[in-house]
């Protein structure tokens, strides 16, 4: 659960920075989806 807390706190800090710089802050997504993709294998040319 520590990672979840760190990720949440990191996002809160990110939103603070956006607001300080007067940049647009995206609306909250009630059902966020995270997609993780592995790097494609490199092939010899």
PDB file of N, CA and C in Angstrom:
ATOM      1  N   UNK A   1       0.808  -1.195   0.000  1.00  0.00           N
ATOM      2  CA  UNK A   1       0.000   0.000   0.000  1.00  0.00           C
ATOM      3  C   UNK A   1       0.855   1.265   0.000  1.00  0.00           C
ATOM      4  N   UNK A   2       2.123   1.160   0.368  1.00  0.00           N
ATOM      5  CA  UNK A   2       2.966   2.345   0.390  1.00  0.00           C
ATOM      6  C   UNK A   2       3.063   2.965  -0.993  1.00  0.00           C
ATOM      7  N   UNK A   3       3.174   2.141  -2.031  1.00  0.00           N
ATOM      8  CA  UNK A   3       3.312   2.663  -3.386  1.00  0.00           C
ATOM      9  C   UNK A   3       2.085   3.474  -3.762  1.00  0.00           C
ATOM     10  N   UNK A   4       0.916   2.977  -3.408  1.00  0.00           N
ATOM     11  CA  UNK A   4      -0.329   3.681  -3.706  1.00  0.00           C
ATOM     12  C   UNK A   4      -0.328   5.065  -3.071  1.00  0.00           C
ATOM     13  N   UNK A   5       0.130   5.152  -1.848  1.00  0.00           N
ATOM     14  CA  UNK A   5       0.176   6.436  -1.157  1.00  0.00           C
ATOM     15  C   UNK A   5       1.152   7.376  -1.850  1.00  0.00           C
ATOM     16  N   UNK A   6       2.330   6.855  -2.212  1.00  0.00           N
ATOM     17  CA  UNK A   6       3.344   7.686  -2.866  1.00  0.00           C
ATOM     18  C   UNK A   6       2.839   8.188  -4.215  1.00  0.00           C
ATOM     19  N   UNK A   7       2.166   7.332  -4.943  1.00  0.00           N
ATOM     20  CA  UNK A   7       1.633   7.732  -6.249  1.00  0.00           C
ATOM     21  C   UNK A   7       0.576   8.816  -6.071  1.00  0.00           C
ATOM     22  N   UNK A   8      -0.283   8.654  -5.103  1.00  0.00           N
ATOM     23  CA  UNK A   8      -1.333   9.653  -4.848  1.00  0.00           C
ATOM     24  C   UNK A   8      -0.705  10.988  -4.458  1.00  0.00           C
ATOM     25  N   UNK A   9       0.257  10.948  -3.574  1.00  0.00           N
ATOM     26  CA  UNK A   9       0.912  12.183  -3.130  1.00  0.00           C
ATOM     27  C   UNK A   9       1.650  12.837  -4.298  1.00  0.00           C
ATOM     28  N   UNK A  10       2.270  12.046  -5.145  1.00  0.00           N
ATOM     29  CA  UNK A  10       2.960  12.579  -6.308  1.00  0.00           C
ATOM     30  C   UNK A  10       2.008  13.302  -7.245  1.00  0.00           C
ATOM     31  N   UNK A  11       0.824  12.735  -7.439  1.00  0.00           N
ATOM     32  CA  UNK A  11      -0.169  13.376  -8.302  1.00  0.00           C
ATOM     33  C   UNK A  11      -0.676  14.674  -7.672  1.00  0.00           C
ATOM     34  N   UNK A  12      -0.850  14.681  -6.359  1.00  0.00           N
ATOM     35  CA  UNK A  12      -1.285  15.903  -5.680  1.00  0.00           C
ATOM     36  C   UNK A  12      -0.252  17.010  -5.879  1.00  0.00           C
ATOM     37  N   UNK A  13       1.034  16.660  -5.762  1.00  0.00           N
ATOM     38  CA  UNK A  13       2.097  17.644  -5.978  1.00  0.00           C
ATOM     39  C   UNK A  13       2.102  18.123  -7.421  1.00  0.00           C
ATOM     40  N   UNK A  14       1.882  17.211  -8.348  1.00  0.00           N
ATOM     41  CA  UNK A  14       1.852  17.550  -9.773  1.00  0.00           C
ATOM     42  C   UNK A  14       0.736  18.555 -10.063  1.00  0.00           C
ATOM     43  N   UNK A  15      -0.437  18.323  -9.500  1.00  0.00           N
ATOM     44  CA  UNK A  15      -1.568  19.232  -9.701  1.00  0.00           C
ATOM     45  C   UNK A  15      -1.253  20.598  -9.078  1.00  0.00           C
ATOM     46  N   UNK A  16      -0.594  20.616  -7.925  1.00  0.00           N
ATOM     47  CA  UNK A  16      -0.204  21.881  -7.299  1.00  0.00           C
ATOM     48  C   UNK A  16       0.705  22.683  -8.230  1.00  0.00           C
ATOM     49  N   UNK A  17       1.673  22.009  -8.844  1.00  0.00           N
ATOM     50  CA  UNK A  17       2.599  22.677  -9.759  1.00  0.00           C
ATOM     51  C   UNK A  17       1.848  23.218 -10.967  1.00  0.00           C
ATOM     52  N   UNK A  18       0.932  22.431 -11.509  1.00  0.00           N
ATOM     53  CA  UNK A  18       0.140  22.912 -12.641  1.00  0.00           C
ATOM     54  C   UNK A  18      -0.618  24.183 -12.273  1.00  0.00           C
ATOM     55  N   UNK A  19      -1.217  24.188 -11.102  1.00  0.00           N
ATOM     56  CA  UNK A  19      -1.987  25.369 -10.670  1.00  0.00           C
ATOM     57  C   UNK A  19      -1.072  26.569 -10.448  1.00  0.00           C
ATOM     58  N   UNK A  20       0.099  26.332  -9.842  1.00  0.00           N
ATOM     59  CA  UNK A  20       1.047  27.428  -9.614  1.00  0.00           C
ATOM     60  C   UNK A  20       1.472  28.058 -10.929  1.00  0.00           C
ATOM     61  N   UNK A  21       1.622  27.242 -11.965  1.00  0.00           N
ATOM     62  CA  UNK A  21       2.056  27.735 -13.265  1.00  0.00           C
ATOM     63  C   UNK A  21       0.880  28.149 -14.146  1.00  0.00           C
ATOM     64  N   UNK A  22      -0.304  28.160 -13.546  1.00  0.00           N
ATOM     65  CA  UNK A  22      -1.542  28.558 -14.243  1.00  0.00           C
ATOM     66  C   UNK A  22      -1.776  27.732 -15.510  1.00  0.00           C
ATOM     67  N   UNK A  23      -1.482  26.454 -15.398  1.00  0.00           N
ATOM     68  CA  UNK A  23      -1.720  25.527 -16.504  1.00  0.00           C
ATOM     69  C   UNK A  23      -3.034  24.801 -16.245  1.00  0.00           C
ATOM     70  N   UNK A  24      -3.681  24.295 -17.289  1.00  0.00           N
ATOM     71  CA  UNK A  24      -4.954  23.599 -17.084  1.00  0.00           C
ATOM     72  C   UNK A  24      -4.769  22.287 -16.304  1.00  0.00           C
ATOM     73  N   UNK A  25      -5.682  22.037 -15.408  1.00  0.00           N
ATOM     74  CA  UNK A  25      -5.673  20.805 -14.615  1.00  0.00           C
ATOM     75  C   UNK A  25      -6.801  19.924 -15.142  1.00  0.00           C
ATOM     76  N   UNK A  26      -6.485  18.696 -15.563  1.00  0.00           N
ATOM     77  CA  UNK A  26      -7.532  17.814 -16.081  1.00  0.00           C
ATOM     78  C   UNK A  26      -8.589  17.507 -15.014  1.00  0.00           C
ATOM     79  N   UNK A  27      -9.810  17.263 -15.460  1.00  0.00           N
ATOM     80  CA  UNK A  27     -10.882  16.859 -14.550  1.00  0.00           C
ATOM     81  C   UNK A  27     -10.557  15.509 -13.939  1.00  0.00           C
ATOM     82  N   UNK A  28     -11.085  15.264 -12.757  1.00  0.00           N
ATOM     83  CA  UNK A  28     -10.889  13.980 -12.086  1.00  0.00           C
ATOM     84  C   UNK A  28     -11.659  12.889 -12.820  1.00  0.00           C
ATOM     85  N   UNK A  29     -11.003  11.762 -13.035  1.00  0.00           N
ATOM     86  CA  UNK A  29     -11.628  10.628 -13.702  1.00  0.00           C
ATOM     87  C   UNK A  29     -12.133   9.671 -12.621  1.00  0.00           C
ATOM     88  N   UNK A  30     -13.440   9.397 -12.572  1.00  0.00           N
ATOM     89  CA  UNK A  30     -13.977   8.520 -11.529  1.00  0.00           C
ATOM     90  C   UNK A  30     -13.541   7.052 -11.682  1.00  0.00           C
ATOM     91  N   UNK A  31     -13.116   6.665 -12.867  1.00  0.00           N
ATOM     92  CA  UNK A  31     -12.682   5.282 -13.094  1.00  0.00           C
ATOM     93  C   UNK A  31     -11.392   5.285 -13.931  1.00  0.00           C
ATOM     94  N   UNK A  32     -10.269   5.678 -13.325  1.00  0.00           N
ATOM     95  CA  UNK A  32      -9.021   5.762 -14.087  1.00  0.00           C
ATOM     96  C   UNK A  32      -8.517   4.389 -14.538  1.00  0.00           C
ATOM     97  N   UNK A  33      -7.871   4.373 -15.686  1.00  0.00           N
ATOM     98  CA  UNK A  33      -7.288   3.149 -16.221  1.00  0.00           C
ATOM     99  C   UNK A  33      -5.813   3.401 -16.484  1.00  0.00           C
ATOM    100  N   UNK A  34      -4.972   2.484 -16.045  1.00  0.00           N
ATOM    101  CA  UNK A  34      -3.539   2.595 -16.264  1.00  0.00           C
ATOM    102  C   UNK A  34      -3.118   1.487 -17.213  1.00  0.00           C
ATOM    103  N   UNK A  35      -2.453   1.871 -18.294  1.00  0.00           N
ATOM    104  CA  UNK A  35      -1.982   0.888 -19.273  1.00  0.00           C
ATOM    105  C   UNK A  35      -0.465   0.871 -19.224  1.00  0.00           C
ATOM    106  N   UNK A  36       0.091  -0.306 -19.037  1.00  0.00           N
ATOM    107  CA  UNK A  36       1.538  -0.474 -18.998  1.00  0.00           C
ATOM    108  C   UNK A  36       1.944  -1.313 -20.187  1.00  0.00           C
ATOM    109  N   UNK A  37       2.854  -0.789 -20.981  1.00  0.00           N
ATOM    110  CA  UNK A  37       3.331  -1.524 -22.149  1.00  0.00           C
ATOM    111  C   UNK A  37       4.820  -1.769 -22.008  1.00  0.00           C
ATOM    112  N   UNK A  38       5.226  -2.979 -22.251  1.00  0.00           N
ATOM    113  CA  UNK A  38       6.643  -3.297 -22.234  1.00  0.00           C
ATOM    114  C   UNK A  38       7.288  -2.750 -23.500  1.00  0.00           C
ATOM    115  N   UNK A  39       8.558  -2.431 -23.379  1.00  0.00           N
ATOM    116  CA  UNK A  39       9.291  -1.933 -24.529  1.00  0.00           C
ATOM    117  C   UNK A  39       9.405  -3.059 -25.556  1.00  0.00           C
ATOM    118  N   UNK A  40       9.246  -2.720 -26.829  1.00  0.00           N
ATOM    119  CA  UNK A  40       9.343  -3.710 -27.877  1.00  0.00           C
ATOM    120  C   UNK A  40      10.776  -4.247 -27.964  1.00  0.00           C
ATOM    121  N   UNK A  41      10.886  -5.506 -28.292  1.00  0.00           N
ATOM    122  CA  UNK A  41      12.231  -6.099 -28.425  1.00  0.00           C
ATOM    123  C   UNK A  41      12.949  -5.487 -29.607  1.00  0.00           C
ATOM    124  N   UNK A  42      14.221  -5.235 -29.408  1.00  0.00           N
ATOM    125  CA  UNK A  42      15.023  -4.675 -30.500  1.00  0.00           C
ATOM    126  C   UNK A  42      15.522  -5.813 -31.362  1.00  0.00           C
ATOM    127  N   UNK A  43      15.413  -5.640 -32.666  1.00  0.00           N
ATOM    128  CA  UNK A  43      15.881  -6.664 -33.581  1.00  0.00           C
ATOM    129  C   UNK A  43      17.083  -6.156 -34.357  1.00  0.00           C
ATOM    130  N   UNK A  44      17.974  -7.042 -34.672  1.00  0.00           N
ATOM    131  CA  UNK A  44      19.164  -6.667 -35.446  1.00  0.00           C
ATOM    132  C   UNK A  44      18.763  -6.327 -36.868  1.00  0.00           C
ATOM    133  N   UNK A  45      19.405  -5.321 -37.400  1.00  0.00           N
ATOM    134  CA  UNK A  45      19.086  -4.894 -38.772  1.00  0.00           C
ATOM    135  C   UNK A  45      20.100  -5.422 -39.730  1.00  0.00           C
TER     136      UNK A  45
END
